[in-house]
Amino acid sequence: MTYYILASGSPRREELLKKLGLNFEIKQPDDEINILNKSFSYELVEKNALTKGLSVAKSVDSPAIIISADTVVIFNNIILGKPRSFDDAFHMLKLLNGNTHKVVTAVCIIDTAANNQIVKSETSEVTFNRVSDDKIKDYIYKFKPYDKAGSYGIQELEEEFIGDIKGDYDNIVGLPVKLLQGMLIQNSTVRKIV
């Protein structure tokens, strides 16, 4: 039986991974790259997902498949990370208010038995309607989005915030399940060849 590890402390990723019906355990990575406020590149986000996975792989004794991810919100080609304060969250949501931004999740799987690594990314677009400052403040007070890239969780936002979504909804939540499923199939094919 394959031993899966989710290298993440995100309850949203845990819920999404359950969709695949895998038995897995959770280990939080102790290493990641600080990419906040940097210019966006897929290479940077994918490297961060790999770094998280490798940090967990170091502490695993049994053969395992480690799943790690990094989700970023990009506006004007700048990475918006997790807010450090109420004011930070408000500033980010004001930037996104009435505008379109991208959400990119880099997913990494590390198969320690086959010594195989696969890293891929999924991109979605979200357009926010223009809402009042009071609506933004109410959202921050109610949901305290300090653990979320871009200062929001799509699943928490009231309908009036969302103008349009293009791409994979699960990606915006934090783990593109269909992409991950394809990567696991690709890995099992590589395993058979090796």
Foldseek 3Di string as FASTA:
>chain_A
DAEEEEQDPDPLVVVLVCVVVDDYYYDHAPDFDPQAFHFDDPVRQQVRQVNSQVSVVVVDDDFHKYKGKGKFKADPRTTFFFAPDLVRLLVLVVSLAQAKIKMKMKMWIAGPVLRDIDIDMFMKMWHFYHDDSVLSSVLCVVPVQRHGHSNDAPVSDDPNGTDDMGGQNSSSNPDRNVVVVVVVVVVVVVVVVD
